[in-house]
Amino acid sequence: MNLLPAEPEFEALLDYLKHNRGCDLTGYKRSSLVRRFRQRMQSINIGSYQDYLQYLQSHDSEWRALLDTVLINVTSFFRDRDAWDYLASNIIPKIIASVQPDEPIRVWSAGCAAGQEVYSLLMLFAEALGIEACLQRVQFYATDVDEAAIGQARLATYDSKQVTSIPPQLLEKYFEPTLDGYVFHRQMRRQIVFGHHHLAKNAPMSKIDLLSCRNVLIYFTPETQASIFVRFHFALKNTGFLFLGNSETLVNHRQIFTSISLKHHVYAKGLNLELNDHLLINPKSSKEQVIDTTTSQIQFWQTAYETSHEAQLAVDNRGCLVASNNQANILFGLTLNDWHRPFEELEPGKLLGSQTSLQTFYRNRRRVTLKNIEWNTSKGTSYFDIYIVPVFSQKQHLLGVNLTFINTGSLTTSSRG
């Protein structure tokens, strides 16, 4: 069967999957998608994209069969063994040393496929800390866009061929041989939170010490990869590490990551995120909600991020959070999930709300300075000067406000006692 290039018809397939099945494949490389679509179409003897679109529309289960072909989950335990040895001997000890004994260690396997990667990570941390300490201190997250793969990962059962790359002593220690195959340590796999997650669409995890995403990004376009790397930067703690596959390289034009080992593809955080980085991941729920980002929105965010290294937040004229810098994220525990939420529901909004109303400020449209505002938390009391500055368009329409929080003093719980 000969399938000639047919761009409009192929894009119509992707559009149908995106808007009717909630499966957005538009960020994937077209060459890989075309090859895998053709593979599926040939298996059911369909010769044109138009005919396949009609088949998808009339067969409710076909899109899942297509995804099984498109989202090929090829992985293995300790794939590229030298890289895993480097992780065990150089990176994991640094992570353990960087946190306090009572502080949790958070590990994210992004694109976990059938689970071999996250179980490999779990074994390394258990070897470094001991099983009991690992159970107490380390939380693992394993996500994938493929629901079937997540189901396989939860089962944690592998045949004899799949476990050949596991060192014999680890296989004996962490796996139980059964009639169905080798089953991973039942108590330890409760440390893993499995979930559906689209790297280019969904908000990332936060406060991650080690983020492993191996041989996944190669399927995305360079533009989508750049957006994902910004999300990864947001997810990692300042002391965290990014672990990529041997076939992957960083594509972001700014050095938001620095290489720890080029050979083993391990990176740490580099430059802080800037306005243009945040624009790559600005969530948009529909075309109707997208405003002209070359005029008012860009002008707004540029103003919101200029001048200060203090904690800064941007709130639009509807009272929703639209941007926050790294200092604000750390101070108030904000994540991308908080963007576009009502500001008054968030911690900094509650702090501000005890003193003034943003609606009052919107009516007055003047700069306001709140002095020595007290903020009580479980860690103690902090005092802030809060600067509220209006942000206008070129036509003097109020776009929102920029808030700057300057810490003027702190009193810890122990010192108060």
Protein backbone atom coordinates (compact mmCIF):
# COMPACT_ATOMS: atom_id res chain seq x y z
CA MET A 1 0.00 0.00 0.00
CA ASN A 2 1.37 3.42 -1.03
CA LEU A 3 0.56 6.45 1.12
CA LEU A 4 1.63 9.65 -0.57
CA PRO A 5 2.29 12.72 1.56
CA ALA A 6 -1.03 14.41 2.34
CA GLU A 7 -0.42 17.18 4.86
CA PRO A 8 -3.96 18.65 5.13
CA GLU A 9 -5.54 15.23 5.56
CA PHE A 10 -2.98 14.20 8.16
CA GLU A 11 -3.43 17.45 10.12
CA ALA A 12 -7.19 16.82 10.03
CA LEU A 13 -6.54 13.51 11.81
CA LEU A 14 -4.53 15.26 14.51
CA ASP A 15 -7.20 17.93 14.86
CA TYR A 16 -9.90 15.29 15.32
CA LEU A 17 -7.91 13.48 18.02
CA LYS A 18 -7.19 16.74 19.83
CA HIS A 19 -10.72 18.15 19.89
CA ASN A 20 -12.82 14.98 19.98
CA ARG A 21 -10.68 12.54 21.97
CA GLY A 22 -8.67 14.93 24.16
CA CYS A 23 -5.41 13.53 22.79
CA ASP A 24 -3.08 16.28 21.58
CA LEU A 25 -0.27 14.90 19.41
CA THR A 26 0.47 18.19 17.64
CA GLY A 27 3.72 18.72 19.56
CA TYR A 28 5.23 15.44 18.32
CA LYS A 29 7.58 15.25 15.34
CA ARG A 30 5.61 14.74 12.15
CA SER A 31 8.01 12.19 10.68
CA SER A 32 7.59 9.89 13.70
CA LEU A 33 3.82 10.38 13.78
CA VAL A 34 3.38 9.67 10.08
CA ARG A 35 5.42 6.48 10.34
CA ARG A 36 3.41 5.19 13.28
CA PHE A 37 0.03 6.22 11.84
CA ARG A 38 0.91 4.34 8.66
CA GLN A 39 1.87 1.29 10.69
CA ARG A 40 -1.53 1.26 12.38
CA MET A 41 -3.42 1.94 9.15
CA GLN A 42 -1.65 -0.88 7.33
CA SER A 43 -2.55 -3.29 10.12
CA ILE A 44 -6.26 -2.67 9.46
CA ASN A 45 -5.86 -2.34 5.67
CA ILE A 46 -6.75 1.34 5.30
CA GLY A 47 -5.02 3.24 2.52
CA SER A 48 -5.78 6.94 2.99
CA TYR A 49 -5.85 9.42 5.82
CA GLN A 50 -9.39 10.47 4.87
CA ASP A 51 -10.63 6.89 5.12
CA TYR A 52 -8.85 6.48 8.45
CA LEU A 53 -10.52 9.61 9.83
CA GLN A 54 -13.91 8.10 8.95
CA TYR A 55 -12.83 4.84 10.60
CA LEU A 56 -11.84 6.70 13.79
CA GLN A 57 -15.18 8.49 13.85
CA SER A 58 -17.17 5.26 13.51
CA HIS A 59 -15.11 3.00 15.81
CA ASP A 60 -15.00 4.31 19.39
CA SER A 61 -12.11 2.10 20.51
CA GLU A 62 -9.82 2.72 17.53
CA TRP A 63 -8.14 5.83 18.93
CA ARG A 64 -6.83 3.83 21.89
CA ALA A 65 -5.41 1.20 19.53
CA LEU A 66 -3.76 4.01 17.58
CA LEU A 67 -2.21 5.46 20.75
CA ASP A 68 -0.79 2.05 21.62
CA THR A 69 1.08 2.22 18.30
CA VAL A 70 2.06 5.91 18.52
CA LEU A 71 3.19 5.95 22.14
CA ILE A 72 5.73 3.17 21.88
CA ASN A 73 7.06 2.46 25.36
CA VAL A 74 10.47 0.92 24.78
CA THR A 75 12.53 0.94 27.95
CA SER A 76 14.47 -1.37 30.24
CA PHE A 77 15.90 -1.52 33.73
CA PHE A 78 19.12 0.50 34.06
CA ARG A 79 19.14 1.35 30.35
CA ASP A 80 22.59 2.75 29.42
CA ARG A 81 24.19 1.23 32.50
CA ASP A 82 27.17 3.61 32.67
CA ALA A 83 24.80 6.55 33.16
CA TRP A 84 23.02 4.77 36.01
CA ASP A 85 26.33 3.90 37.66
CA TYR A 86 27.28 7.59 37.49
CA LEU A 87 23.92 8.54 38.99
CA ALA A 88 24.42 6.09 41.86
CA SER A 89 28.00 7.10 42.67
CA ASN A 90 27.90 10.86 42.04
CA ILE A 91 24.41 12.34 41.96
CA ILE A 92 22.31 10.44 44.51
CA PRO A 93 24.89 11.00 47.31
CA LYS A 94 24.78 14.74 46.54
CA ILE A 95 21.00 14.76 46.71
CA ILE A 96 20.99 12.97 50.07
CA ALA A 97 23.64 15.35 51.42
CA SER A 98 21.67 18.42 50.26
CA VAL A 99 18.59 17.73 52.39
CA GLN A 100 18.07 17.60 56.13
CA PRO A 101 17.45 14.15 57.70
CA ASP A 102 13.79 15.04 58.33
CA GLU A 103 13.32 16.63 54.90
CA PRO A 104 11.63 14.57 52.14
CA ILE A 105 13.44 13.69 48.92
CA ARG A 106 11.22 13.96 45.84
CA VAL A 107 11.94 12.03 42.63
CA TRP A 108 9.97 12.32 39.38
CA SER A 109 10.12 9.80 36.52
CA ALA A 110 8.52 11.75 33.65
CA GLY A 111 7.46 9.45 30.83
CA CYS A 112 7.71 6.35 32.99
CA ALA A 113 6.39 3.89 30.35
CA ALA A 114 5.96 0.43 31.91
CA GLY A 115 7.82 1.41 35.08
CA GLN A 116 11.34 0.06 34.60
CA GLU A 117 12.87 3.50 35.02
CA VAL A 118 11.13 4.47 38.26
CA TYR A 119 11.82 1.04 39.81
CA SER A 120 15.48 1.41 38.83
CA LEU A 121 15.54 4.76 40.63
CA LEU A 122 13.83 3.27 43.66
CA MET A 123 16.44 0.50 43.88
CA LEU A 124 19.32 2.99 43.73
CA PHE A 125 17.90 5.15 46.51
CA ALA A 126 17.16 2.07 48.62
CA GLU A 127 20.75 0.91 48.16
CA ALA A 128 22.07 4.34 49.14
CA LEU A 129 19.81 4.90 52.17
CA GLY A 130 18.71 1.41 53.15
CA ILE A 131 15.18 0.17 52.56
CA GLU A 132 13.68 1.48 55.80
CA ALA A 133 15.16 4.97 55.43
CA CYS A 134 14.13 5.05 51.78
CA LEU A 135 10.55 4.21 52.73
CA GLN A 136 10.54 7.01 55.28
CA ARG A 137 12.33 9.73 53.30
CA VAL A 138 11.83 9.35 49.53
CA GLN A 139 8.64 10.02 47.58
CA PHE A 140 8.52 8.91 43.94
CA TYR A 141 6.25 10.21 41.18
CA ALA A 142 5.86 8.31 37.90
CA THR A 143 3.84 9.86 35.10
CA ASP A 144 3.05 9.10 31.48
CA VAL A 145 0.59 10.19 28.81
CA ASP A 146 -0.24 6.54 28.07
CA GLU A 147 -2.86 5.15 30.50
CA ALA A 148 -2.12 1.56 29.43
CA ALA A 149 1.57 2.00 30.23
CA ILE A 150 0.72 3.41 33.67
CA GLY A 151 -1.44 0.35 34.30
CA GLN A 152 1.47 -1.93 33.45
CA ALA A 153 3.80 0.08 35.67
CA ARG A 154 1.44 -0.26 38.63
CA LEU A 155 1.41 -4.04 38.24
CA ALA A 156 5.23 -4.08 38.55
CA THR A 157 5.40 -7.53 36.99
CA TYR A 158 8.06 -8.41 34.40
CA ASP A 159 9.03 -11.54 32.49
CA SER A 160 12.44 -13.19 32.58
CA LYS A 161 13.69 -11.32 29.48
CA GLN A 162 12.74 -7.93 30.91
CA VAL A 163 14.77 -8.43 34.11
CA THR A 164 18.00 -9.63 32.46
CA SER A 165 19.57 -6.16 32.81
CA ILE A 166 19.07 -6.11 36.60
CA PRO A 167 22.18 -7.16 38.60
CA PRO A 168 21.49 -10.59 40.20
CA GLN A 169 21.87 -9.31 43.76
CA LEU A 170 19.30 -6.55 43.16
CA LEU A 171 16.92 -8.92 41.40
CA GLU A 172 17.02 -11.27 44.37
CA LYS A 173 16.65 -8.44 46.89
CA TYR A 174 13.85 -6.42 45.29
CA PHE A 175 11.84 -8.90 43.21
CA GLU A 176 9.70 -11.90 44.01
CA PRO A 177 9.55 -14.69 41.39
CA THR A 178 5.96 -15.79 40.70
CA LEU A 179 4.10 -17.79 38.07
CA ASP A 180 3.26 -14.49 36.33
CA GLY A 181 6.83 -13.22 36.36
CA TYR A 182 9.06 -11.20 38.64
CA VAL A 183 7.09 -8.85 40.90
CA PHE A 184 8.74 -5.78 42.44
CA HIS A 185 8.91 -5.39 46.25
CA ARG A 186 5.26 -4.84 47.28
CA GLN A 187 5.89 -2.51 50.20
CA MET A 188 8.39 -0.35 48.34
CA ARG A 189 6.24 0.22 45.30
CA ARG A 190 3.70 1.93 47.57
CA GLN A 191 6.23 4.80 47.63
CA ILE A 192 5.36 5.57 44.02
CA VAL A 193 2.49 7.83 43.00
CA PHE A 194 1.48 6.98 39.44
CA GLY A 195 -0.49 9.42 37.31
CA HIS A 196 -1.46 10.54 33.83
CA HIS A 197 0.51 13.59 32.70
CA HIS A 198 1.23 15.33 29.39
CA LEU A 199 4.67 16.93 29.55
CA ALA A 200 3.78 19.74 27.15
CA LYS A 201 0.29 20.50 28.48
CA ASN A 202 0.02 19.79 32.20
CA ALA A 203 1.61 21.68 35.08
CA PRO A 204 4.76 19.97 36.39
CA MET A 205 5.48 18.57 39.82
CA SER A 206 7.27 20.92 42.22
CA LYS A 207 10.23 20.86 44.62
CA ILE A 208 11.79 17.89 42.81
CA ASP A 209 15.30 16.73 43.77
CA LEU A 210 15.81 14.38 40.80
CA LEU A 211 13.84 14.53 37.55
CA SER A 212 14.44 11.63 35.17
CA CYS A 213 13.06 11.93 31.63
CA ARG A 214 14.93 9.55 29.35
CA ASN A 215 14.37 8.95 25.65
CA VAL A 216 11.01 10.72 25.67
CA LEU A 217 11.79 14.23 24.42
CA ILE A 218 13.19 12.96 21.12
CA TYR A 219 9.59 12.48 19.93
CA PHE A 220 8.70 16.17 20.39
CA THR A 221 9.41 19.13 18.12
CA PRO A 222 12.20 21.54 19.18
CA GLU A 223 9.60 24.18 20.10
CA THR A 224 7.73 21.76 22.34
CA GLN A 225 10.98 20.53 23.87
CA ALA A 226 11.87 24.11 24.81
CA SER A 227 8.51 24.50 26.55
CA ILE A 228 9.01 21.21 28.42
CA PHE A 229 12.48 22.24 29.60
CA VAL A 230 11.01 25.42 31.08
CA ARG A 231 8.51 23.26 32.96
CA PHE A 232 11.34 21.02 34.18
CA HIS A 233 13.24 24.08 35.42
CA PHE A 234 10.14 25.15 37.32
CA ALA A 235 9.76 21.66 38.81
CA LEU A 236 13.29 21.28 40.17
CA LYS A 237 14.59 22.62 43.44
CA ASN A 238 17.62 24.88 43.10
CA THR A 239 19.75 21.91 44.20
CA GLY A 240 17.94 19.43 41.96
CA PHE A 241 19.21 17.42 38.97
CA LEU A 242 17.82 16.57 35.53
CA PHE A 243 18.64 13.14 34.06
CA LEU A 244 18.10 12.76 30.29
CA GLY A 245 18.51 9.90 27.83
CA ASN A 246 21.64 9.34 25.76
CA SER A 247 19.92 10.45 22.56
CA GLU A 248 18.69 13.77 23.98
CA THR A 249 20.23 17.22 24.21
CA LEU A 250 19.05 20.54 25.61
CA VAL A 251 17.49 22.77 22.96
CA ASN A 252 16.58 25.93 24.91
CA HIS A 253 18.30 29.00 23.50
CA ARG A 254 19.13 30.19 27.01
CA GLN A 255 21.25 28.17 29.40
CA ILE A 256 18.54 27.51 31.97
CA PHE A 257 20.39 24.25 32.67
CA THR A 258 24.10 23.64 33.07
CA SER A 259 25.83 20.36 32.37
CA ILE A 260 27.07 18.27 35.27
CA SER A 261 28.08 15.40 32.98
CA LEU A 262 27.71 15.69 29.20
CA LYS A 263 28.66 12.04 28.81
CA HIS A 264 25.87 10.84 31.10
CA HIS A 265 23.38 13.64 30.30
CA VAL A 266 22.99 14.95 33.84
CA TYR A 267 22.17 18.65 34.32
CA ALA A 268 21.55 21.16 37.10
CA LYS A 269 19.68 24.45 37.07
CA GLY A 270 21.42 27.31 35.27
CA LEU A 271 19.96 30.75 34.56
CA ASN A 272 16.72 31.82 36.19
CA LEU A 273 13.61 31.83 34.04
CA GLU A 274 12.77 35.09 32.30
CA LEU A 275 9.70 36.59 30.69
CA ASN A 276 10.11 34.83 27.33
CA ASP A 277 10.53 31.47 29.10
CA HIS A 278 7.29 31.96 31.00
CA LEU A 279 5.50 32.87 27.78
CA LEU A 280 6.35 29.41 26.44
CA ILE A 281 4.21 27.78 29.12
CA ASN A 282 1.46 30.35 29.63
CA PRO A 283 -1.65 28.13 29.79
CA LYS A 284 -4.47 28.94 27.36
CA SER A 285 -7.77 27.09 27.75
CA SER A 286 -9.27 28.10 24.41
CA LYS A 287 -8.62 30.20 21.34
CA GLU A 288 -11.22 32.71 22.51
CA GLN A 289 -9.17 33.42 25.65
CA VAL A 290 -5.94 34.14 23.80
CA ILE A 291 -5.28 37.89 23.65
CA ASP A 292 -2.72 39.66 21.56
CA THR A 293 0.57 38.56 23.15
CA THR A 294 2.58 40.94 21.00
CA THR A 295 0.98 44.01 22.61
CA SER A 296 -0.81 44.28 25.93
CA GLN A 297 0.11 40.91 27.47
CA ILE A 298 3.83 41.13 26.70
CA GLN A 299 3.96 44.75 27.86
CA PHE A 300 2.24 43.72 31.09
CA TRP A 301 4.60 40.85 31.89
CA GLN A 302 7.69 42.81 30.92
CA THR A 303 6.70 45.52 33.40
CA ALA A 304 5.84 42.97 36.08
CA TYR A 305 9.25 41.34 35.93
CA GLU A 306 11.51 44.37 35.68
CA THR A 307 13.56 46.13 38.41
CA SER A 308 13.68 43.84 41.45
CA HIS A 309 15.15 40.59 42.69
CA GLU A 310 12.58 40.51 45.49
CA ALA A 311 9.46 38.29 45.42
CA GLN A 312 7.21 39.60 42.65
CA LEU A 313 3.72 38.66 41.54
CA ALA A 314 1.55 39.86 38.68
CA VAL A 315 -2.25 39.94 39.06
CA ASP A 316 -4.53 40.83 36.15
CA ASN A 317 -7.51 43.20 36.29
CA ARG A 318 -9.85 40.24 36.99
CA GLY A 319 -7.95 39.50 40.21
CA CYS A 320 -6.20 36.33 38.96
CA LEU A 321 -2.53 35.45 39.30
CA VAL A 322 -0.85 35.51 35.88
CA ALA A 323 2.86 35.45 36.74
CA SER A 324 5.24 34.93 39.65
CA ASN A 325 9.00 35.03 39.79
CA ASN A 326 11.21 32.38 41.36
CA GLN A 327 11.56 34.24 44.66
CA ALA A 328 7.78 34.45 45.03
CA ASN A 329 7.35 30.77 44.18
CA ILE A 330 9.80 29.80 46.93
CA LEU A 331 8.44 32.23 49.51
CA PHE A 332 4.75 31.38 49.08
CA GLY A 333 5.02 27.80 47.76
CA LEU A 334 3.45 28.67 44.40
CA THR A 335 3.39 26.37 41.37
CA LEU A 336 2.11 26.62 37.80
CA ASN A 337 -1.16 25.14 39.04
CA ASP A 338 -1.76 28.45 40.84
CA TRP A 339 -1.60 30.53 37.67
CA HIS A 340 -5.03 31.92 36.72
CA ARG A 341 -6.44 31.13 40.14
CA PRO A 342 -8.12 33.98 42.09
CA PHE A 343 -5.33 35.82 43.88
CA GLU A 344 -7.37 36.16 47.07
CA GLU A 345 -7.34 32.33 47.45
CA LEU A 346 -3.53 32.15 47.46
CA GLU A 347 -1.23 32.72 50.42
CA PRO A 348 0.10 36.14 49.28
CA GLY A 349 -3.48 37.20 48.48
CA LYS A 350 -4.62 36.31 52.00
CA LEU A 351 -1.70 38.28 53.42
CA LEU A 352 -2.58 41.31 51.30
CA GLY A 353 -6.31 40.90 51.94
CA SER A 354 -5.80 41.45 55.65
CA GLN A 355 -4.75 45.03 54.84
CA THR A 356 -6.43 46.21 51.65
CA SER A 357 -8.60 45.14 48.70
CA LEU A 358 -7.26 44.91 45.18
CA GLN A 359 -10.63 46.14 43.94
CA THR A 360 -10.12 49.34 45.91
CA PHE A 361 -6.69 49.68 44.37
CA TYR A 362 -8.10 49.12 40.86
CA ARG A 363 -10.54 51.99 41.41
CA ASN A 364 -7.86 54.39 42.70
CA ARG A 365 -5.18 53.33 40.19
CA ARG A 366 -2.34 54.75 42.29
CA ARG A 367 0.81 53.22 43.72
CA VAL A 368 0.37 51.93 47.25
CA THR A 369 2.98 50.97 49.84
CA LEU A 370 2.02 48.84 52.83
CA LYS A 371 4.62 48.96 55.59
CA ASN A 372 5.64 46.32 58.11
CA ILE A 373 2.88 43.81 57.29
CA GLU A 374 2.97 40.81 59.63
CA TRP A 375 2.86 37.27 58.20
CA ASN A 376 2.53 34.39 60.66
CA THR A 377 3.42 30.82 59.63
CA SER A 378 4.37 27.63 61.44
CA LYS A 379 8.03 28.62 61.02
CA GLY A 380 7.60 31.98 62.70
CA THR A 381 6.67 35.59 61.94
CA SER A 382 7.94 37.65 59.02
CA TYR A 383 7.42 41.33 58.25
CA PHE A 384 7.06 42.74 54.75
CA ASP A 385 6.85 46.04 52.97
CA ILE A 386 4.46 45.44 50.05
CA TYR A 387 4.67 47.67 46.99
CA ILE A 388 1.61 47.62 44.69
CA VAL A 389 2.18 49.20 41.28
CA PRO A 390 -0.47 49.57 38.55
CA VAL A 391 0.36 48.26 35.07
CA PHE A 392 -1.18 50.10 32.12
CA SER A 393 -1.39 49.48 28.39
CA GLN A 394 -0.16 52.05 25.90
CA LYS A 395 -3.71 53.39 25.81
CA GLN A 396 -3.72 53.69 29.63
CA HIS A 397 -6.07 50.81 30.15
CA LEU A 398 -5.42 49.10 33.48
CA LEU A 399 -4.02 45.62 32.82
CA GLY A 400 -3.40 44.65 36.42
CA VAL A 401 -0.88 45.14 39.19
CA ASN A 402 2.67 44.19 40.03
CA LEU A 403 3.25 43.34 43.70
CA THR A 404 6.69 43.31 45.31
CA PHE A 405 7.22 41.78 48.76
CA ILE A 406 10.34 42.97 50.61
CA ASN A 407 11.18 41.10 53.79
CA THR A 408 12.07 43.63 56.50
CA GLY A 409 12.59 41.16 59.32
CA SER A 410 11.80 37.69 60.65
CA LEU A 411 11.23 36.09 64.01
CA THR A 412 11.47 32.30 64.18
CA THR A 413 9.19 30.16 66.33
CA SER A 414 12.11 29.16 68.58
CA SER A 415 13.23 32.74 69.13
CA ARG A 416 9.68 33.79 70.03
CA GLY A 417 9.50 31.02 72.61
